Amino acid sequence: MKDFYAEQIKTADTVANSTRSNKILVPMHKAIADFITAHSNYHTQSLPDTEYEAIFDYGSKKVDIAIFDEVGNLKGVILFKGIRSEYNKNANNYYEQMKGESSLFIDNNIPVYQIILIPTKIHHKKNNGERGFEVPTDKSFNNYNNFIKNKPAYWDLLKLGVFYFDIDYTNYSIEYSKDKVIDGMEPTIETGLLNFIEMVGKNNGQSKTLRAGNDTD
């Protein structure tokens, strides 16, 4: 599945205006959705069809992959972020956004898996306009690492998957980083997804979802 992420980065680098369309996201989102259905009895909704919009009594959120049981109840959601450029100046916003998005689902008893993919070397535009690279700060790494180790019980319905990758930008080959590894993180995205499927199955509470934004009732 990591190769779909490498392809995202390659497309963003080599195809003009590719990041303005969600087409760049389709292969990864479809791969995740297909993996879920292949390893469970759940149904999914994601691109390339339509994103599911969960609407609650005090907010709504479109999700990358929605997971349903056999009668259509929303059982879990996956939110995906693959960093392609300009990370450090946005890193704290990504971190706070992760918590804010997740709380909407936690408050409505829906497990959420936040998958965040970060290169160990990221494209960055310098002040003079030249394109170079930046290295993710230790602060952003420690934010995620400490959150996972110390999060209070409120966050039990949040599964956080933060994976760092070494990318060769000459041929866009990709490998999981051996130097940047969040404590307790699974070795692969696929293993994380299997554990999330198990987590969803163990959550016996009743979802408070009111309706899907793309329903026609």
Protein backbone atom coordinates (compact mmCIF):
# COMPACT_ATOMS: atom_id res chain seq x y z
CA MET A 1 0.00 0.00 0.00
CA LYS A 2 2.98 2.29 0.52
CA ASP A 3 3.55 2.29 -3.23
CA PHE A 4 0.25 4.13 -3.74
CA TYR A 5 1.63 6.88 -1.50
CA ALA A 6 4.84 7.04 -3.55
CA GLU A 7 2.73 7.37 -6.67
CA GLN A 8 0.84 10.30 -5.09
CA ILE A 9 4.11 12.10 -4.47
CA LYS A 10 5.39 11.34 -7.97
CA THR A 11 2.17 12.62 -9.55
CA ALA A 12 2.26 15.79 -7.45
CA ASP A 13 5.86 16.38 -8.55
CA THR A 14 5.50 15.62 -12.25
CA VAL A 15 1.92 16.43 -13.29
CA ALA A 16 0.94 20.10 -13.33
CA ASN A 17 -2.06 21.04 -11.13
CA SER A 18 -2.55 17.41 -10.09
CA THR A 19 -3.07 18.34 -6.44
CA ARG A 20 -6.12 20.44 -7.32
CA SER A 21 -8.14 17.31 -8.09
CA ASN A 22 -9.08 14.46 -5.78
CA LYS A 23 -8.09 12.04 -8.55
CA ILE A 24 -4.64 11.90 -6.98
CA LEU A 25 -6.25 10.38 -3.86
CA VAL A 26 -8.33 7.69 -5.56
CA PRO A 27 -5.82 4.80 -5.78
CA MET A 28 -4.89 4.94 -2.08
CA HIS A 29 -8.46 5.42 -0.84
CA LYS A 30 -9.72 2.57 -3.02
CA ALA A 31 -6.90 0.30 -1.87
CA ILE A 32 -7.77 0.94 1.78
CA ALA A 33 -11.49 0.37 1.17
CA ASP A 34 -10.81 -2.83 -0.77
CA PHE A 35 -8.51 -4.07 2.00
CA ILE A 36 -11.25 -3.54 4.60
CA THR A 37 -13.87 -5.46 2.61
CA ALA A 38 -11.41 -8.25 1.78
CA HIS A 39 -10.56 -8.81 5.46
CA SER A 40 -13.98 -8.37 7.07
CA ASN A 41 -17.73 -8.63 6.52
CA TYR A 42 -18.07 -4.85 6.46
CA HIS A 43 -19.07 -2.67 3.52
CA THR A 44 -17.26 0.54 2.65
CA GLN A 45 -17.87 3.81 0.86
CA SER A 46 -15.05 5.93 -0.56
CA LEU A 47 -13.59 7.42 -3.71
CA PRO A 48 -13.76 6.80 -6.65
CA ASP A 49 -17.49 6.68 -5.88
CA THR A 50 -18.59 9.29 -3.35
CA GLU A 51 -17.21 10.28 0.01
CA TYR A 52 -19.58 9.61 2.89
CA GLU A 53 -20.68 12.61 4.93
CA ALA A 54 -21.57 11.83 8.52
CA ILE A 55 -24.02 14.39 9.87
CA PHE A 56 -24.53 14.73 13.60
CA ASP A 57 -26.63 17.11 15.66
CA TYR A 58 -23.75 19.57 16.09
CA GLY A 59 -21.50 19.02 13.11
CA SER A 60 -20.69 17.02 10.02
CA LYS A 61 -17.63 15.61 8.34
CA LYS A 62 -16.89 13.94 5.01
CA VAL A 63 -14.67 10.92 5.53
CA ASP A 64 -12.20 9.19 3.26
CA ILE A 65 -13.41 5.65 3.99
CA ALA A 66 -16.66 4.88 5.80
CA ILE A 67 -17.25 1.40 7.22
CA PHE A 68 -20.77 -0.06 7.53
CA ASP A 69 -22.28 -3.27 8.86
CA GLU A 70 -24.62 -5.48 6.85
CA VAL A 71 -27.67 -3.29 7.55
CA GLY A 72 -25.96 0.01 6.80
CA ASN A 73 -25.03 1.24 10.28
CA LEU A 74 -21.88 3.35 10.35
CA LYS A 75 -19.35 1.35 12.39
CA GLY A 76 -16.08 3.18 11.81
CA VAL A 77 -14.31 5.78 9.70
CA ILE A 78 -10.83 6.22 8.29
CA LEU A 79 -9.29 9.64 7.68
CA PHE A 80 -6.15 9.70 5.56
CA LYS A 81 -3.47 12.37 5.15
CA GLY A 82 -0.44 11.81 2.95
CA ILE A 83 2.06 14.67 3.25
CA ARG A 84 3.57 15.67 -0.10
CA SER A 85 5.16 19.08 0.55
CA GLU A 86 5.47 22.04 2.95
CA TYR A 87 5.05 20.05 6.16
CA ASN A 88 6.78 21.94 8.96
CA LYS A 89 4.85 25.19 8.68
CA ASN A 90 1.59 23.22 8.78
CA ALA A 91 2.59 20.45 11.19
CA ASN A 92 0.88 21.85 14.29
CA ASN A 93 -2.31 22.54 12.30
CA TYR A 94 -2.33 18.92 11.10
CA TYR A 95 -1.91 17.71 14.68
CA GLU A 96 -4.70 19.85 16.09
CA GLN A 97 -6.95 19.06 13.13
CA MET A 98 -6.43 15.36 13.79
CA LYS A 99 -7.76 15.74 17.31
CA GLY A 100 -10.65 18.01 16.33
CA GLU A 101 -11.87 15.76 13.53
CA SER A 102 -11.59 12.67 15.71
CA SER A 103 -13.55 14.14 18.61
CA LEU A 104 -16.64 14.54 16.43
CA PHE A 105 -16.74 10.78 15.89
CA ILE A 106 -15.64 9.81 19.40
CA ASP A 107 -18.48 11.89 20.86
CA ASN A 108 -20.85 9.86 18.70
CA ASN A 109 -19.31 6.50 19.62
CA ILE A 110 -17.72 5.79 16.24
CA PRO A 111 -14.16 4.42 16.09
CA VAL A 112 -11.87 6.48 13.89
CA TYR A 113 -8.51 5.59 12.36
CA GLN A 114 -6.33 8.55 11.45
CA ILE A 115 -3.63 7.45 8.98
CA ILE A 116 -0.88 10.06 8.56
CA LEU A 117 2.02 9.40 6.18
CA ILE A 118 5.11 11.62 6.42
CA PRO A 119 8.31 11.51 4.34
CA THR A 120 11.57 11.88 6.24
CA LYS A 121 12.57 14.38 3.54
CA ILE A 122 9.85 16.65 2.16
CA HIS A 123 9.66 19.06 -0.75
CA HIS A 124 9.83 22.66 0.39
CA LYS A 125 9.86 26.02 -1.41
CA LYS A 126 12.54 28.35 -0.04
CA ASN A 127 12.06 32.07 0.51
CA ASN A 128 13.85 32.82 -2.76
CA GLY A 129 11.44 30.58 -4.66
CA GLU A 130 13.90 27.75 -5.18
CA ARG A 131 12.64 24.26 -4.49
CA GLY A 132 14.49 22.20 -1.93
CA PHE A 133 13.82 19.81 0.91
CA GLU A 134 13.01 20.05 4.60
CA VAL A 135 13.20 17.49 7.39
CA PRO A 136 10.19 17.07 9.72
CA THR A 137 10.90 18.60 13.11
CA ASP A 138 11.38 16.56 16.27
CA LYS A 139 8.53 18.57 17.79
CA SER A 140 5.96 17.14 15.36
CA PHE A 141 7.30 13.62 15.90
CA ASN A 142 7.16 14.04 19.68
CA ASN A 143 3.61 15.42 19.55
CA TYR A 144 2.32 12.22 17.96
CA ASN A 145 4.59 9.95 19.97
CA ASN A 146 3.60 11.48 23.31
CA PHE A 147 -0.08 11.58 22.38
CA ILE A 148 -0.12 7.85 21.65
CA LYS A 149 1.75 7.01 24.86
CA ASN A 150 -0.13 9.33 27.20
CA LYS A 151 -3.61 9.90 25.76
CA PRO A 152 -6.45 9.74 28.33
CA ALA A 153 -9.34 7.29 28.11
CA TYR A 154 -11.48 9.78 26.17
CA TRP A 155 -9.41 8.99 23.07
CA ASP A 156 -9.84 5.21 23.25
CA LEU A 157 -11.97 5.18 20.09
CA LEU A 158 -9.19 6.91 18.15
CA LYS A 159 -6.55 4.77 16.50
CA LEU A 160 -3.61 6.84 15.31
CA GLY A 161 -1.34 5.50 12.58
CA VAL A 162 1.63 7.79 11.92
CA PHE A 163 4.12 6.26 9.48
CA TYR A 164 7.39 7.83 8.32
CA PHE A 165 8.87 6.93 4.96
CA ASP A 166 12.26 7.21 3.28
CA ILE A 167 11.68 8.24 -0.34
CA ASP A 168 14.21 8.27 -3.19
CA TYR A 169 13.01 11.20 -5.29
CA THR A 170 15.06 10.11 -8.31
CA ASN A 171 12.85 7.07 -8.94
CA TYR A 172 10.18 7.48 -6.21
CA SER A 173 11.03 4.23 -4.50
CA ILE A 174 9.73 4.12 -0.93
CA GLU A 175 10.45 2.24 2.28
CA TYR A 176 9.19 2.48 5.86
CA SER A 177 11.72 4.49 7.85
CA LYS A 178 13.79 2.52 10.35
CA ASP A 179 15.00 5.67 12.09
CA LYS A 180 11.68 7.50 12.53
CA VAL A 181 9.25 5.09 14.20
CA ILE A 182 6.49 6.10 16.58
CA ASP A 183 6.51 4.00 19.78
CA GLY A 184 4.18 1.02 19.49
CA MET A 185 3.32 1.70 15.84
CA GLU A 186 2.54 -1.28 13.63
CA PRO A 187 5.20 -2.13 11.04
CA THR A 188 2.89 -1.48 8.07
CA ILE A 189 -0.32 0.30 7.12
CA GLU A 190 -1.91 -3.06 6.40
CA THR A 191 -1.24 -4.32 9.92
CA GLY A 192 -2.76 -1.15 11.31
CA LEU A 193 -5.87 -1.67 9.21
CA LEU A 194 -6.26 -5.24 10.49
CA ASN A 195 -6.04 -3.99 14.06
CA PHE A 196 -8.59 -1.28 13.33
CA ILE A 197 -11.02 -3.86 11.91
CA GLU A 198 -10.68 -5.72 15.21
CA MET A 199 -11.20 -2.49 17.15
CA VAL A 200 -14.38 -1.73 15.21
CA GLY A 201 -15.71 -5.22 15.92
CA LYS A 202 -15.17 -4.82 19.65
CA ASN A 203 -17.05 -1.51 19.87
CA ASN A 204 -20.55 -2.58 20.84
CA GLY A 205 -21.97 0.85 21.58
CA GLN A 206 -24.68 2.47 19.49
CA SER A 207 -23.63 5.05 16.94
CA LYS A 208 -25.44 8.38 17.21
CA THR A 209 -25.17 9.18 13.51
CA LEU A 210 -28.29 10.97 12.34
CA ARG A 211 -27.97 10.46 8.60
CA ALA A 212 -25.59 10.48 5.68
CA GLY A 213 -25.33 13.66 3.69
CA ASN A 214 -25.59 11.77 0.43
CA ASP A 215 -28.83 9.99 1.38
CA THR A 216 -31.98 11.03 -0.42
CA ASP A 217 -34.52 10.68 2.39
